[in-house]
């Protein structure tokens, strides 16, 4: 309750129950005694009709009339916002406040609602035209922008880019829900994710004692995944469309886990085989070659920019530097 609110005894026997209407008919258990003891229950105009019917609640009268009744008998008002006129009047007059605690993740419901609105008739024409195919490039771009934010440790950018990646998930799920042959929606996606997480973590959800550390958990995860997906090959499920260095590393990791000898791995002879060899060796020593290469590339990018800035400060045109001038302005670090 707002600390600046001035209390009066006019409604001290009444209660305002603040709920999150996005959760449907959820009313906090702490409110049940007040609901049972109330002479009358009101449901504010902002609530869903299903909530009003479930509580057998009336629409609240004008705040003045509401206060008069609250002064005579126990009144309960169920509302979504404490700033609505009926709720504000009762709370100002001393009514007890009971507030529902929204679970973590409830804001996702708003995100789903907004996505549905954008995609529905009367929404955004551009959003309505998109398909799984047309959205592919955005999924890749947003994922790399998130990766860039993570590498830079930019917390504000991370929040934004995580939202953009989430948008892609919501978008694809909404498009999938419109499919006439094999429809599914975001709830189906979430249900399958929960089922996978529970089944792949029996040590957490089923008392399986075979996992004792992160390494054994990773091995157990791969075993369970192999059984679930009924894979015929040790490299089934490797995304062949991922960046080449990451693909080489993943294939080498899977092959090594399957017992393929190192001498059978591609090596030597041309650039591609040499790159594969380096990626395979990196995974063998616990290094992610994609991350390692990106780190070197980012450092190289910073050095080029630093040399250009230094040359520009010396009155030179960075676009016309000679090899010797590049050496002179190259950062020494």
C-alpha atoms as a PDB file:
ATOM      1  CA  UNK A   1       0.000   0.000   0.000  1.00  0.00           C
ATOM      2  CA  UNK A   2       1.181   3.486  -0.792  1.00  0.00           C
ATOM      3  CA  UNK A   3       2.944   4.915   2.266  1.00  0.00           C
ATOM      4  CA  UNK A   4       1.570   8.411   1.563  1.00  0.00           C
ATOM      5  CA  UNK A   5      -2.042   7.235   1.691  1.00  0.00           C
ATOM      6  CA  UNK A   6      -4.117   8.806   4.470  1.00  0.00           C
ATOM      7  CA  UNK A   7      -6.262   6.221   6.233  1.00  0.00           C
ATOM      8  CA  UNK A   8      -9.761   6.735   7.575  1.00  0.00           C
ATOM      9  CA  UNK A   9     -11.867   4.170   9.427  1.00  0.00           C
ATOM     10  CA  UNK A  10     -14.768   4.432   6.957  1.00  0.00           C
ATOM     11  CA  UNK A  11     -13.792   1.213   5.148  1.00  0.00           C
ATOM     12  CA  UNK A  12     -11.635  -0.504   7.758  1.00  0.00           C
ATOM     13  CA  UNK A  13     -13.727  -3.683   7.586  1.00  0.00           C
ATOM     14  CA  UNK A  14     -13.498  -3.941   3.824  1.00  0.00           C
ATOM     15  CA  UNK A  15     -10.860  -5.416   1.541  1.00  0.00           C
ATOM     16  CA  UNK A  16      -9.353  -4.654  -1.848  1.00  0.00           C
ATOM     17  CA  UNK A  17      -7.960  -7.734  -3.592  1.00  0.00           C
ATOM     18  CA  UNK A  18      -5.493  -6.807  -6.326  1.00  0.00           C
ATOM     19  CA  UNK A  19      -5.066  -9.544  -8.917  1.00  0.00           C
ATOM     20  CA  UNK A  20      -3.085 -10.003 -12.109  1.00  0.00           C
ATOM     21  CA  UNK A  21      -5.872 -10.568 -14.603  1.00  0.00           C
ATOM     22  CA  UNK A  22      -3.415 -12.038 -17.117  1.00  0.00           C
ATOM     23  CA  UNK A  23      -3.483 -15.184 -14.966  1.00  0.00           C
ATOM     24  CA  UNK A  24      -7.158 -15.738 -15.657  1.00  0.00           C
ATOM     25  CA  UNK A  25      -9.255 -16.453 -12.586  1.00  0.00           C
ATOM     26  CA  UNK A  26      -6.333 -16.593 -10.119  1.00  0.00           C
ATOM     27  CA  UNK A  27      -7.204 -15.047  -6.752  1.00  0.00           C
ATOM     28  CA  UNK A  28      -4.722 -15.260  -3.846  1.00  0.00           C
ATOM     29  CA  UNK A  29      -5.610 -17.821  -1.185  1.00  0.00           C
ATOM     30  CA  UNK A  30      -5.183 -15.144   1.495  1.00  0.00           C
ATOM     31  CA  UNK A  31      -8.261 -13.425   0.088  1.00  0.00           C
ATOM     32  CA  UNK A  32     -10.633 -16.381   0.607  1.00  0.00           C
ATOM     33  CA  UNK A  33     -11.595 -15.581   4.229  1.00  0.00           C
ATOM     34  CA  UNK A  34     -12.476 -12.012   3.253  1.00  0.00           C
ATOM     35  CA  UNK A  35     -14.455 -13.204   0.231  1.00  0.00           C
ATOM     36  CA  UNK A  36     -16.426 -15.678   2.354  1.00  0.00           C
ATOM     37  CA  UNK A  37     -17.158 -13.080   5.048  1.00  0.00           C
ATOM     38  CA  UNK A  38     -18.112 -10.250   2.687  1.00  0.00           C
ATOM     39  CA  UNK A  39     -21.648  -8.927   2.506  1.00  0.00           C
ATOM     40  CA  UNK A  40     -21.049  -8.105  -1.143  1.00  0.00           C
ATOM     41  CA  UNK A  41     -18.236  -8.736  -3.629  1.00  0.00           C
ATOM     42  CA  UNK A  42     -17.506  -6.321  -6.446  1.00  0.00           C
ATOM     43  CA  UNK A  43     -15.321  -6.895  -9.490  1.00  0.00           C
ATOM     44  CA  UNK A  44     -13.801  -3.789 -11.034  1.00  0.00           C
ATOM     45  CA  UNK A  45     -14.635  -2.970 -14.648  1.00  0.00           C
ATOM     46  CA  UNK A  46     -11.119  -3.767 -15.825  1.00  0.00           C
ATOM     47  CA  UNK A  47     -11.378  -7.457 -14.939  1.00  0.00           C
ATOM     48  CA  UNK A  48     -12.280 -10.249 -17.330  1.00  0.00           C
ATOM     49  CA  UNK A  49     -15.922 -11.279 -17.458  1.00  0.00           C
ATOM     50  CA  UNK A  50     -14.925 -14.837 -16.507  1.00  0.00           C
ATOM     51  CA  UNK A  51     -13.448 -13.519 -13.240  1.00  0.00           C
ATOM     52  CA  UNK A  52     -16.599 -11.556 -12.502  1.00  0.00           C
ATOM     53  CA  UNK A  53     -18.812 -14.604 -13.126  1.00  0.00           C
ATOM     54  CA  UNK A  54     -16.574 -16.938 -11.118  1.00  0.00           C
ATOM     55  CA  UNK A  55     -16.767 -14.665  -8.081  1.00  0.00           C
ATOM     56  CA  UNK A  56     -20.483 -13.961  -8.636  1.00  0.00           C
ATOM     57  CA  UNK A  57     -19.406 -10.341  -8.247  1.00  0.00           C
ATOM     58  CA  UNK A  58     -21.275  -7.133  -8.984  1.00  0.00           C
ATOM     59  CA  UNK A  59     -20.002  -4.112 -10.833  1.00  0.00           C
ATOM     60  CA  UNK A  60     -18.949  -1.505  -8.255  1.00  0.00           C
ATOM     61  CA  UNK A  61     -21.105   1.605  -7.859  1.00  0.00           C
ATOM     62  CA  UNK A  62     -19.801   5.184  -7.863  1.00  0.00           C
ATOM     63  CA  UNK A  63     -16.933   5.554  -5.334  1.00  0.00           C
ATOM     64  CA  UNK A  64     -19.073   7.694  -3.031  1.00  0.00           C
ATOM     65  CA  UNK A  65     -21.840   5.089  -2.843  1.00  0.00           C
ATOM     66  CA  UNK A  66     -19.233   2.360  -2.483  1.00  0.00           C
ATOM     67  CA  UNK A  67     -17.713   4.098   0.539  1.00  0.00           C
ATOM     68  CA  UNK A  68     -21.129   4.526   2.134  1.00  0.00           C
ATOM     69  CA  UNK A  69     -21.767   0.811   1.875  1.00  0.00           C
ATOM     70  CA  UNK A  70     -18.259  -0.048   3.079  1.00  0.00           C
ATOM     71  CA  UNK A  71     -18.885   2.051   6.180  1.00  0.00           C
ATOM     72  CA  UNK A  72     -21.897  -0.143   7.072  1.00  0.00           C
ATOM     73  CA  UNK A  73     -20.716  -3.651   6.124  1.00  0.00           C
ATOM     74  CA  UNK A  74     -17.780  -5.722   4.898  1.00  0.00           C
ATOM     75  CA  UNK A  75     -17.152  -5.134   1.233  1.00  0.00           C
ATOM     76  CA  UNK A  76     -14.617  -6.863  -1.021  1.00  0.00           C
ATOM     77  CA  UNK A  77     -13.490  -5.289  -4.269  1.00  0.00           C
ATOM     78  CA  UNK A  78     -11.429  -7.377  -6.678  1.00  0.00           C
ATOM     79  CA  UNK A  79      -9.439  -5.141  -9.014  1.00  0.00           C
ATOM     80  CA  UNK A  80      -6.469  -5.256 -11.379  1.00  0.00           C
ATOM     81  CA  UNK A  81      -5.134  -1.805 -10.494  1.00  0.00           C
ATOM     82  CA  UNK A  82      -4.957  -0.007  -7.161  1.00  0.00           C
ATOM     83  CA  UNK A  83      -5.305   3.276  -9.059  1.00  0.00           C
ATOM     84  CA  UNK A  84      -8.790   2.508 -10.381  1.00  0.00           C
ATOM     85  CA  UNK A  85     -11.333   4.896  -8.781  1.00  0.00           C
ATOM     86  CA  UNK A  86     -13.190   2.259  -6.695  1.00  0.00           C
ATOM     87  CA  UNK A  87      -9.948   0.637  -5.447  1.00  0.00           C
ATOM     88  CA  UNK A  88      -8.295   3.982  -4.723  1.00  0.00           C
ATOM     89  CA  UNK A  89     -11.344   5.209  -2.784  1.00  0.00           C
ATOM     90  CA  UNK A  90     -11.542   2.100  -0.581  1.00  0.00           C
ATOM     91  CA  UNK A  91      -7.819   2.002   0.086  1.00  0.00           C
ATOM     92  CA  UNK A  92      -7.802   5.699   0.922  1.00  0.00           C
ATOM     93  CA  UNK A  93     -10.595   5.033   3.411  1.00  0.00           C
ATOM     94  CA  UNK A  94      -8.641   2.333   5.226  1.00  0.00           C
ATOM     95  CA  UNK A  95      -9.571  -0.915   3.457  1.00  0.00           C
ATOM     96  CA  UNK A  96      -7.166  -3.828   3.786  1.00  0.00           C
ATOM     97  CA  UNK A  97      -5.086  -4.558   0.695  1.00  0.00           C
ATOM     98  CA  UNK A  98      -4.385  -8.125  -0.412  1.00  0.00           C
ATOM     99  CA  UNK A  99      -2.154  -8.313  -3.458  1.00  0.00           C
ATOM    100  CA  UNK A 100      -1.659 -11.400  -5.626  1.00  0.00           C
ATOM    101  CA  UNK A 101       1.982 -12.243  -6.257  1.00  0.00           C
ATOM    102  CA  UNK A 102       2.535 -12.725  -9.979  1.00  0.00           C
ATOM    103  CA  UNK A 103       4.901 -15.599 -10.821  1.00  0.00           C
ATOM    104  CA  UNK A 104       8.145 -15.044 -12.672  1.00  0.00           C
ATOM    105  CA  UNK A 105       7.485 -15.150 -16.389  1.00  0.00           C
ATOM    106  CA  UNK A 106       4.030 -13.601 -16.333  1.00  0.00           C
ATOM    107  CA  UNK A 107       5.200 -10.776 -18.605  1.00  0.00           C
ATOM    108  CA  UNK A 108       5.596 -13.397 -21.324  1.00  0.00           C
ATOM    109  CA  UNK A 109       1.808 -13.493 -21.506  1.00  0.00           C
ATOM    110  CA  UNK A 110       1.790  -9.863 -22.606  1.00  0.00           C
ATOM    111  CA  UNK A 111       4.427 -10.637 -25.228  1.00  0.00           C
ATOM    112  CA  UNK A 112       2.257 -13.442 -26.632  1.00  0.00           C
ATOM    113  CA  UNK A 113      -0.798 -11.163 -26.638  1.00  0.00           C
ATOM    114  CA  UNK A 114       1.045  -8.402 -28.491  1.00  0.00           C
ATOM    115  CA  UNK A 115       2.365 -10.889 -31.062  1.00  0.00           C
ATOM    116  CA  UNK A 116      -1.153 -12.210 -31.641  1.00  0.00           C
ATOM    117  CA  UNK A 117      -2.465  -8.670 -32.096  1.00  0.00           C
ATOM    118  CA  UNK A 118       0.240  -7.800 -34.633  1.00  0.00           C
ATOM    119  CA  UNK A 119      -0.451 -10.945 -36.637  1.00  0.00           C
ATOM    120  CA  UNK A 120      -4.277 -10.768 -36.513  1.00  0.00           C
ATOM    121  CA  UNK A 121      -6.639  -8.858 -38.837  1.00  0.00           C
ATOM    122  CA  UNK A 122      -6.322  -5.155 -38.116  1.00  0.00           C
ATOM    123  CA  UNK A 123      -2.745  -5.617 -36.907  1.00  0.00           C
ATOM    124  CA  UNK A 124       0.505  -4.910 -38.750  1.00  0.00           C
ATOM    125  CA  UNK A 125       0.445  -5.628 -42.532  1.00  0.00           C
ATOM    126  CA  UNK A 126       4.182  -6.440 -42.571  1.00  0.00           C
ATOM    127  CA  UNK A 127       3.897  -8.889 -39.670  1.00  0.00           C
ATOM    128  CA  UNK A 128       0.878 -10.530 -41.301  1.00  0.00           C
ATOM    129  CA  UNK A 129       2.854 -11.266 -44.479  1.00  0.00           C
ATOM    130  CA  UNK A 130       5.803 -13.024 -42.839  1.00  0.00           C
ATOM    131  CA  UNK A 131       6.456 -16.756 -43.167  1.00  0.00           C
ATOM    132  CA  UNK A 132       8.903 -19.156 -41.553  1.00  0.00           C
ATOM    133  CA  UNK A 133      11.084 -18.746 -44.636  1.00  0.00           C
ATOM    134  CA  UNK A 134      11.029 -14.933 -44.691  1.00  0.00           C
ATOM    135  CA  UNK A 135      11.883 -14.779 -40.989  1.00  0.00           C
ATOM    136  CA  UNK A 136      14.980 -16.991 -41.223  1.00  0.00           C
ATOM    137  CA  UNK A 137      17.409 -14.146 -41.875  1.00  0.00           C
ATOM    138  CA  UNK A 138      16.118 -12.203 -38.858  1.00  0.00           C
ATOM    139  CA  UNK A 139      16.587 -15.195 -36.577  1.00  0.00           C
ATOM    140  CA  UNK A 140      20.225 -15.486 -37.649  1.00  0.00           C
ATOM    141  CA  UNK A 141      20.852 -11.734 -37.385  1.00  0.00           C
ATOM    142  CA  UNK A 142      19.269 -11.397 -33.945  1.00  0.00           C
ATOM    143  CA  UNK A 143      21.185 -14.405 -32.645  1.00  0.00           C
ATOM    144  CA  UNK A 144      24.495 -12.913 -33.746  1.00  0.00           C
ATOM    145  CA  UNK A 145      23.582  -9.525 -32.284  1.00  0.00           C
ATOM    146  CA  UNK A 146      22.899 -11.248 -28.965  1.00  0.00           C
ATOM    147  CA  UNK A 147      26.214 -13.075 -29.207  1.00  0.00           C
ATOM    148  CA  UNK A 148      27.958  -9.757 -29.825  1.00  0.00           C
ATOM    149  CA  UNK A 149      26.279  -8.191 -26.770  1.00  0.00           C
ATOM    150  CA  UNK A 150      27.329 -11.176 -24.636  1.00  0.00           C
ATOM    151  CA  UNK A 151      30.932 -10.909 -25.796  1.00  0.00           C
ATOM    152  CA  UNK A 152      31.011  -7.184 -25.022  1.00  0.00           C
ATOM    153  CA  UNK A 153      29.368  -7.716 -21.632  1.00  0.00           C
ATOM    154  CA  UNK A 154      26.872  -4.966 -22.500  1.00  0.00           C
ATOM    155  CA  UNK A 155      23.990  -5.622 -20.089  1.00  0.00           C
ATOM    156  CA  UNK A 156      21.591  -3.134 -21.693  1.00  0.00           C
ATOM    157  CA  UNK A 157      22.243  -4.605 -25.133  1.00  0.00           C
ATOM    158  CA  UNK A 158      21.837  -8.126 -23.734  1.00  0.00           C
ATOM    159  CA  UNK A 159      18.344  -7.287 -22.445  1.00  0.00           C
ATOM    160  CA  UNK A 160      17.364  -5.832 -25.806  1.00  0.00           C
ATOM    161  CA  UNK A 161      18.843  -8.620 -27.913  1.00  0.00           C
ATOM    162  CA  UNK A 162      17.377 -11.370 -25.717  1.00  0.00           C
ATOM    163  CA  UNK A 163      14.018  -9.721 -26.336  1.00  0.00           C
ATOM    164  CA  UNK A 164      14.659  -9.720 -30.079  1.00  0.00           C
ATOM    165  CA  UNK A 165      15.521 -13.429 -30.023  1.00  0.00           C
ATOM    166  CA  UNK A 166      12.394 -14.101 -27.941  1.00  0.00           C
ATOM    167  CA  UNK A 167      10.386 -12.201 -30.552  1.00  0.00           C
ATOM    168  CA  UNK A 168      11.594 -14.643 -33.188  1.00  0.00           C
ATOM    169  CA  UNK A 169      10.403 -17.592 -31.084  1.00  0.00           C
ATOM    170  CA  UNK A 170       6.991 -15.968 -30.548  1.00  0.00           C
ATOM    171  CA  UNK A 171       6.756 -14.997 -34.220  1.00  0.00           C
ATOM    172  CA  UNK A 172       7.509 -18.493 -35.529  1.00  0.00           C
ATOM    173  CA  UNK A 173       5.117 -20.064 -33.012  1.00  0.00           C
ATOM    174  CA  UNK A 174       2.349 -17.662 -34.068  1.00  0.00           C
ATOM    175  CA  UNK A 175       2.940 -18.420 -37.760  1.00  0.00           C
ATOM    176  CA  UNK A 176       2.910 -22.141 -36.964  1.00  0.00           C
ATOM    177  CA  UNK A 177      -0.452 -21.817 -35.214  1.00  0.00           C
ATOM    178  CA  UNK A 178      -1.994 -20.734 -38.532  1.00  0.00           C
ATOM    179  CA  UNK A 179      -0.803 -23.808 -40.419  1.00  0.00           C
ATOM    180  CA  UNK A 180      -3.804 -25.801 -41.664  1.00  0.00           C
ATOM    181  CA  UNK A 181      -2.017 -29.160 -41.891  1.00  0.00           C
ATOM    182  CA  UNK A 182       0.155 -29.331 -38.771  1.00  0.00           C
ATOM    183  CA  UNK A 183      -0.613 -26.402 -36.452  1.00  0.00           C
ATOM    184  CA  UNK A 184       1.066 -25.832 -33.115  1.00  0.00           C
ATOM    185  CA  UNK A 185       1.356 -22.783 -30.886  1.00  0.00           C
ATOM    186  CA  UNK A 186       3.643 -21.261 -28.276  1.00  0.00           C
ATOM    187  CA  UNK A 187       2.066 -23.400 -25.536  1.00  0.00           C
ATOM    188  CA  UNK A 188       2.968 -26.535 -27.481  1.00  0.00           C
ATOM    189  CA  UNK A 189       6.531 -25.268 -27.809  1.00  0.00           C
ATOM    190  CA  UNK A 190       6.720 -24.562 -24.068  1.00  0.00           C
ATOM    191  CA  UNK A 191       5.166 -27.934 -23.173  1.00  0.00           C
ATOM    192  CA  UNK A 192       7.702 -29.845 -25.258  1.00  0.00           C
ATOM    193  CA  UNK A 193      10.540 -27.801 -23.758  1.00  0.00           C
ATOM    194  CA  UNK A 194       9.403 -28.572 -20.207  1.00  0.00           C
ATOM    195  CA  UNK A 195       9.036 -32.263 -21.048  1.00  0.00           C
ATOM    196  CA  UNK A 196      12.550 -32.324 -22.503  1.00  0.00           C
ATOM    197  CA  UNK A 197      14.119 -30.527 -19.535  1.00  0.00           C
ATOM    198  CA  UNK A 198      12.441 -32.840 -17.037  1.00  0.00           C
ATOM    199  CA  UNK A 199      13.273 -36.043 -18.925  1.00  0.00           C
ATOM    200  CA  UNK A 200      16.904 -34.963 -19.472  1.00  0.00           C
ATOM    201  CA  UNK A 201      17.400 -34.135 -15.780  1.00  0.00           C
ATOM    202  CA  UNK A 202      16.274 -37.291 -13.941  1.00  0.00           C
ATOM    203  CA  UNK A 203      18.789 -36.523 -11.180  1.00  0.00           C
ATOM    204  CA  UNK A 204      16.767 -33.393 -10.404  1.00  0.00           C
ATOM    205  CA  UNK A 205      13.183 -34.511 -11.024  1.00  0.00           C
ATOM    206  CA  UNK A 206      13.253 -38.286 -10.495  1.00  0.00           C
ATOM    207  CA  UNK A 207      15.942 -38.937  -7.890  1.00  0.00           C
ATOM    208  CA  UNK A 208      18.393 -40.515 -10.350  1.00  0.00           C
ATOM    209  CA  UNK A 209      21.740 -40.671  -8.544  1.00  0.00           C
ATOM    210  CA  UNK A 210      23.941 -41.287 -11.591  1.00  0.00           C
ATOM    211  CA  UNK A 211      24.876 -37.624 -12.036  1.00  0.00           C
ATOM    212  CA  UNK A 212      27.416 -36.110  -9.637  1.00  0.00           C
ATOM    213  CA  UNK A 213      29.008 -33.237 -11.551  1.00  0.00           C
ATOM    214  CA  UNK A 214      28.705 -31.155 -14.727  1.00  0.00           C
ATOM    215  CA  UNK A 215      30.771 -33.601 -16.793  1.00  0.00           C
ATOM    216  CA  UNK A 216      28.645 -36.624 -15.911  1.00  0.00           C
ATOM    217  CA  UNK A 217      25.512 -34.547 -16.499  1.00  0.00           C
ATOM    218  CA  UNK A 218      26.656 -33.687 -20.022  1.00  0.00           C
ATOM    219  CA  UNK A 219      27.332 -37.338 -20.794  1.00  0.00           C
ATOM    220  CA  UNK A 220      23.966 -38.371 -19.337  1.00  0.00           C
ATOM    221  CA  UNK A 221      22.209 -35.670 -21.395  1.00  0.00           C
ATOM    222  CA  UNK A 222      23.704 -37.046 -24.617  1.00  0.00           C
ATOM    223  CA  UNK A 223      22.723 -40.624 -23.682  1.00  0.00           C
ATOM    224  CA  UNK A 224      19.136 -39.645 -22.990  1.00  0.00           C
ATOM    225  CA  UNK A 225      18.968 -37.556 -26.168  1.00  0.00           C
ATOM    226  CA  UNK A 226      20.212 -40.515 -28.216  1.00  0.00           C
ATOM    227  CA  UNK A 227      17.471 -42.726 -26.779  1.00  0.00           C
ATOM    228  CA  UNK A 228      14.708 -40.108 -27.135  1.00  0.00           C
ATOM    229  CA  UNK A 229      15.450 -39.254 -30.752  1.00  0.00           C
ATOM    230  CA  UNK A 230      16.221 -42.848 -31.804  1.00  0.00           C
ATOM    231  CA  UNK A 231      19.244 -41.628 -33.730  1.00  0.00           C
ATOM    232  CA  UNK A 232      20.832 -43.966 -36.229  1.00  0.00           C
ATOM    233  CA  UNK A 233      24.122 -42.063 -36.432  1.00  0.00           C
ATOM    234  CA  UNK A 234      26.342 -40.421 -33.852  1.00  0.00           C
ATOM    235  CA  UNK A 235      26.223 -37.240 -35.944  1.00  0.00           C
ATOM    236  CA  UNK A 236      22.441 -37.109 -36.383  1.00  0.00           C
ATOM    237  CA  UNK A 237      21.094 -33.763 -35.240  1.00  0.00           C
ATOM    238  CA  UNK A 238      24.224 -31.738 -36.007  1.00  0.00           C
ATOM    239  CA  UNK A 239      23.040 -28.570 -37.758  1.00  0.00           C
ATOM    240  CA  UNK A 240      24.939 -28.492 -41.048  1.00  0.00           C
ATOM    241  CA  UNK A 241      23.952 -24.870 -41.656  1.00  0.00           C
ATOM    242  CA  UNK A 242      25.960 -23.463 -38.742  1.00  0.00           C
ATOM    243  CA  UNK A 243      29.244 -21.579 -39.290  1.00  0.00           C
ATOM    244  CA  UNK A 244      31.915 -23.872 -40.732  1.00  0.00           C
ATOM    245  CA  UNK A 245      34.351 -23.707 -37.806  1.00  0.00           C
ATOM    246  CA  UNK A 246      31.563 -24.448 -35.317  1.00  0.00           C
ATOM    247  CA  UNK A 247      30.318 -27.278 -37.556  1.00  0.00           C
ATOM    248  CA  UNK A 248      33.770 -28.845 -37.736  1.00  0.00           C
ATOM    249  CA  UNK A 249      34.131 -28.623 -33.959  1.00  0.00           C
ATOM    250  CA  UNK A 250      30.724 -30.216 -33.350  1.00  0.00           C
ATOM    251  CA  UNK A 251      31.346 -33.062 -35.789  1.00  0.00           C
ATOM    252  CA  UNK A 252      34.758 -33.718 -34.241  1.00  0.00           C
ATOM    253  CA  UNK A 253      33.232 -33.737 -30.765  1.00  0.00           C
ATOM    254  CA  UNK A 254      30.513 -36.202 -31.769  1.00  0.00           C
ATOM    255  CA  UNK A 255      32.959 -38.417 -33.681  1.00  0.00           C
ATOM    256  CA  UNK A 256      35.395 -38.515 -30.767  1.00  0.00           C
ATOM    257  CA  UNK A 257      32.563 -39.411 -28.367  1.00  0.00           C
ATOM    258  CA  UNK A 258      31.588 -42.259 -30.719  1.00  0.00           C
ATOM    259  CA  UNK A 259      35.149 -43.595 -30.638  1.00  0.00           C
ATOM    260  CA  UNK A 260      36.286 -42.541 -34.117  1.00  0.00           C
ATOM    261  CA  UNK A 261      40.133 -42.552 -34.046  1.00  0.00           C
ATOM    262  CA  UNK A 262      41.837 -39.185 -34.522  1.00  0.00           C
ATOM    263  CA  UNK A 263      43.786 -40.464 -37.515  1.00  0.00           C
ATOM    264  CA  UNK A 264      40.511 -40.760 -39.451  1.00  0.00           C
ATOM    265  CA  UNK A 265      39.731 -37.072 -39.018  1.00  0.00           C
ATOM    266  CA  UNK A 266      40.337 -34.789 -42.060  1.00  0.00           C
ATOM    267  CA  UNK A 267      43.824 -33.281 -41.894  1.00  0.00           C
ATOM    268  CA  UNK A 268      46.431 -31.647 -44.141  1.00  0.00           C
ATOM    269  CA  UNK A 269      46.458 -31.230 -47.895  1.00  0.00           C
ATOM    270  CA  UNK A 270      44.386 -28.069 -48.285  1.00  0.00           C
ATOM    271  CA  UNK A 271      43.055 -25.105 -46.314  1.00  0.00           C
ATOM    272  CA  UNK A 272      39.722 -26.747 -45.486  1.00  0.00           C
ATOM    273  CA  UNK A 273      41.293 -29.892 -44.032  1.00  0.00           C
ATOM    274  CA  UNK A 274      43.815 -27.853 -42.069  1.00  0.00           C
ATOM    275  CA  UNK A 275      41.019 -25.719 -40.588  1.00  0.00           C
ATOM    276  CA  UNK A 276      39.115 -28.882 -39.652  1.00  0.00           C
ATOM    277  CA  UNK A 277      42.217 -30.273 -37.969  1.00  0.00           C
ATOM    278  CA  UNK A 278      42.662 -27.110 -35.907  1.00  0.00           C
ATOM    279  CA  UNK A 279      38.986 -27.093 -34.902  1.00  0.00           C
ATOM    280  CA  UNK A 280      39.151 -30.754 -33.880  1.00  0.00           C
ATOM    281  CA  UNK A 281      42.294 -30.181 -31.831  1.00  0.00           C
ATOM    282  CA  UNK A 282      40.676 -27.212 -30.107  1.00  0.00           C
ATOM    283  CA  UNK A 283      37.697 -29.274 -28.940  1.00  0.00           C
ATOM    284  CA  UNK A 284      40.034 -32.017 -27.742  1.00  0.00           C
ATOM    285  CA  UNK A 285      41.667 -29.472 -25.430  1.00  0.00           C
ATOM    286  CA  UNK A 286      38.389 -27.970 -24.231  1.00  0.00           C
ATOM    287  CA  UNK A 287      38.524 -24.838 -26.383  1.00  0.00           C
ATOM    288  CA  UNK A 288      35.641 -23.585 -28.498  1.00  0.00           C
ATOM    289  CA  UNK A 289      37.345 -22.770 -31.821  1.00  0.00           C
ATOM    290  CA  UNK A 290      34.490 -20.489 -32.907  1.00  0.00           C
ATOM    291  CA  UNK A 291      34.895 -18.363 -29.779  1.00  0.00           C
ATOM    292  CA  UNK A 292      38.683 -18.412 -30.097  1.00  0.00           C
ATOM    293  CA  UNK A 293      38.604 -17.299 -33.725  1.00  0.00           C
ATOM    294  CA  UNK A 294      36.001 -14.605 -33.011  1.00  0.00           C
ATOM    295  CA  UNK A 295      38.156 -13.251 -30.170  1.00  0.00           C
ATOM    296  CA  UNK A 296      41.165 -12.935 -32.479  1.00  0.00           C
ATOM    297  CA  UNK A 297      38.995 -11.381 -35.194  1.00  0.00           C
ATOM    298  CA  UNK A 298      37.533  -8.837 -32.764  1.00  0.00           C
ATOM    299  CA  UNK A 299      41.023  -7.922 -31.541  1.00  0.00           C
ATOM    300  CA  UNK A 300      42.156  -7.489 -35.148  1.00  0.00           C
ATOM    301  CA  UNK A 301      39.132  -5.262 -35.802  1.00  0.00           C
ATOM    302  CA  UNK A 302      40.027  -3.082 -32.800  1.00  0.00           C
ATOM    303  CA  UNK A 303      43.659  -2.798 -33.905  1.00  0.00           C
ATOM    304  CA  UNK A 304      42.674  -1.664 -37.400  1.00  0.00           C
ATOM    305  CA  UNK A 305      40.340   0.980 -35.983  1.00  0.00           C
ATOM    306  CA  UNK A 306      43.000   2.135 -33.517  1.00  0.00           C
ATOM    307  CA  UNK A 307      45.625   2.485 -36.275  1.00  0.00           C
ATOM    308  CA  UNK A 308      43.174   4.435 -38.453  1.00  0.00           C
ATOM    309  CA  UNK A 309      42.348   6.775 -35.578  1.00  0.00           C
ATOM    310  CA  UNK A 310      46.034   7.336 -34.858  1.00  0.00           C
ATOM    311  CA  UNK A 311      46.782   7.984 -38.529  1.00  0.00           C
ATOM    312  CA  UNK A 312      43.884  10.401 -38.826  1.00  0.00           C
ATOM    313  CA  UNK A 313      45.158  12.306 -35.780  1.00  0.00           C
ATOM    314  CA  UNK A 314      48.522  12.604 -37.585  1.00  0.00           C
ATOM    315  CA  UNK A 315      46.800  14.231 -40.567  1.00  0.00           C
ATOM    316  CA  UNK A 316      46.824  11.151 -42.798  1.00  0.00           C
ATOM    317  CA  UNK A 317      43.992   9.628 -44.816  1.00  0.00           C
ATOM    318  CA  UNK A 318      43.373   6.126 -43.375  1.00  0.00           C
ATOM    319  CA  UNK A 319      42.090   4.953 -46.757  1.00  0.00           C
ATOM    320  CA  UNK A 320      45.457   5.736 -48.394  1.00  0.00           C
ATOM    321  CA  UNK A 321      47.981   4.384 -45.873  1.00  0.00           C
ATOM    322  CA  UNK A 322      51.062   2.609 -47.185  1.00  0.00           C
ATOM    323  CA  UNK A 323      52.319  -0.612 -45.694  1.00  0.00           C
ATOM    324  CA  UNK A 324      55.009   1.326 -43.834  1.00  0.00           C
ATOM    325  CA  UNK A 325      52.449   3.768 -42.419  1.00  0.00           C
ATOM    326  CA  UNK A 326      50.263   0.916 -41.224  1.00  0.00           C
ATOM    327  CA  UNK A 327      53.282  -0.417 -39.330  1.00  0.00           C
ATOM    328  CA  UNK A 328      53.986   3.007 -37.837  1.00  0.00           C
ATOM    329  CA  UNK A 329      50.456   3.517 -36.499  1.00  0.00           C
ATOM    330  CA  UNK A 330      49.702  -0.094 -35.545  1.00  0.00           C
ATOM    331  CA  UNK A 331      48.939  -0.319 -31.774  1.00  0.00           C
ATOM    332  CA  UNK A 332      51.730  -1.859 -29.696  1.00  0.00           C
ATOM    333  CA  UNK A 333      49.879  -4.086 -27.248  1.00  0.00           C
END
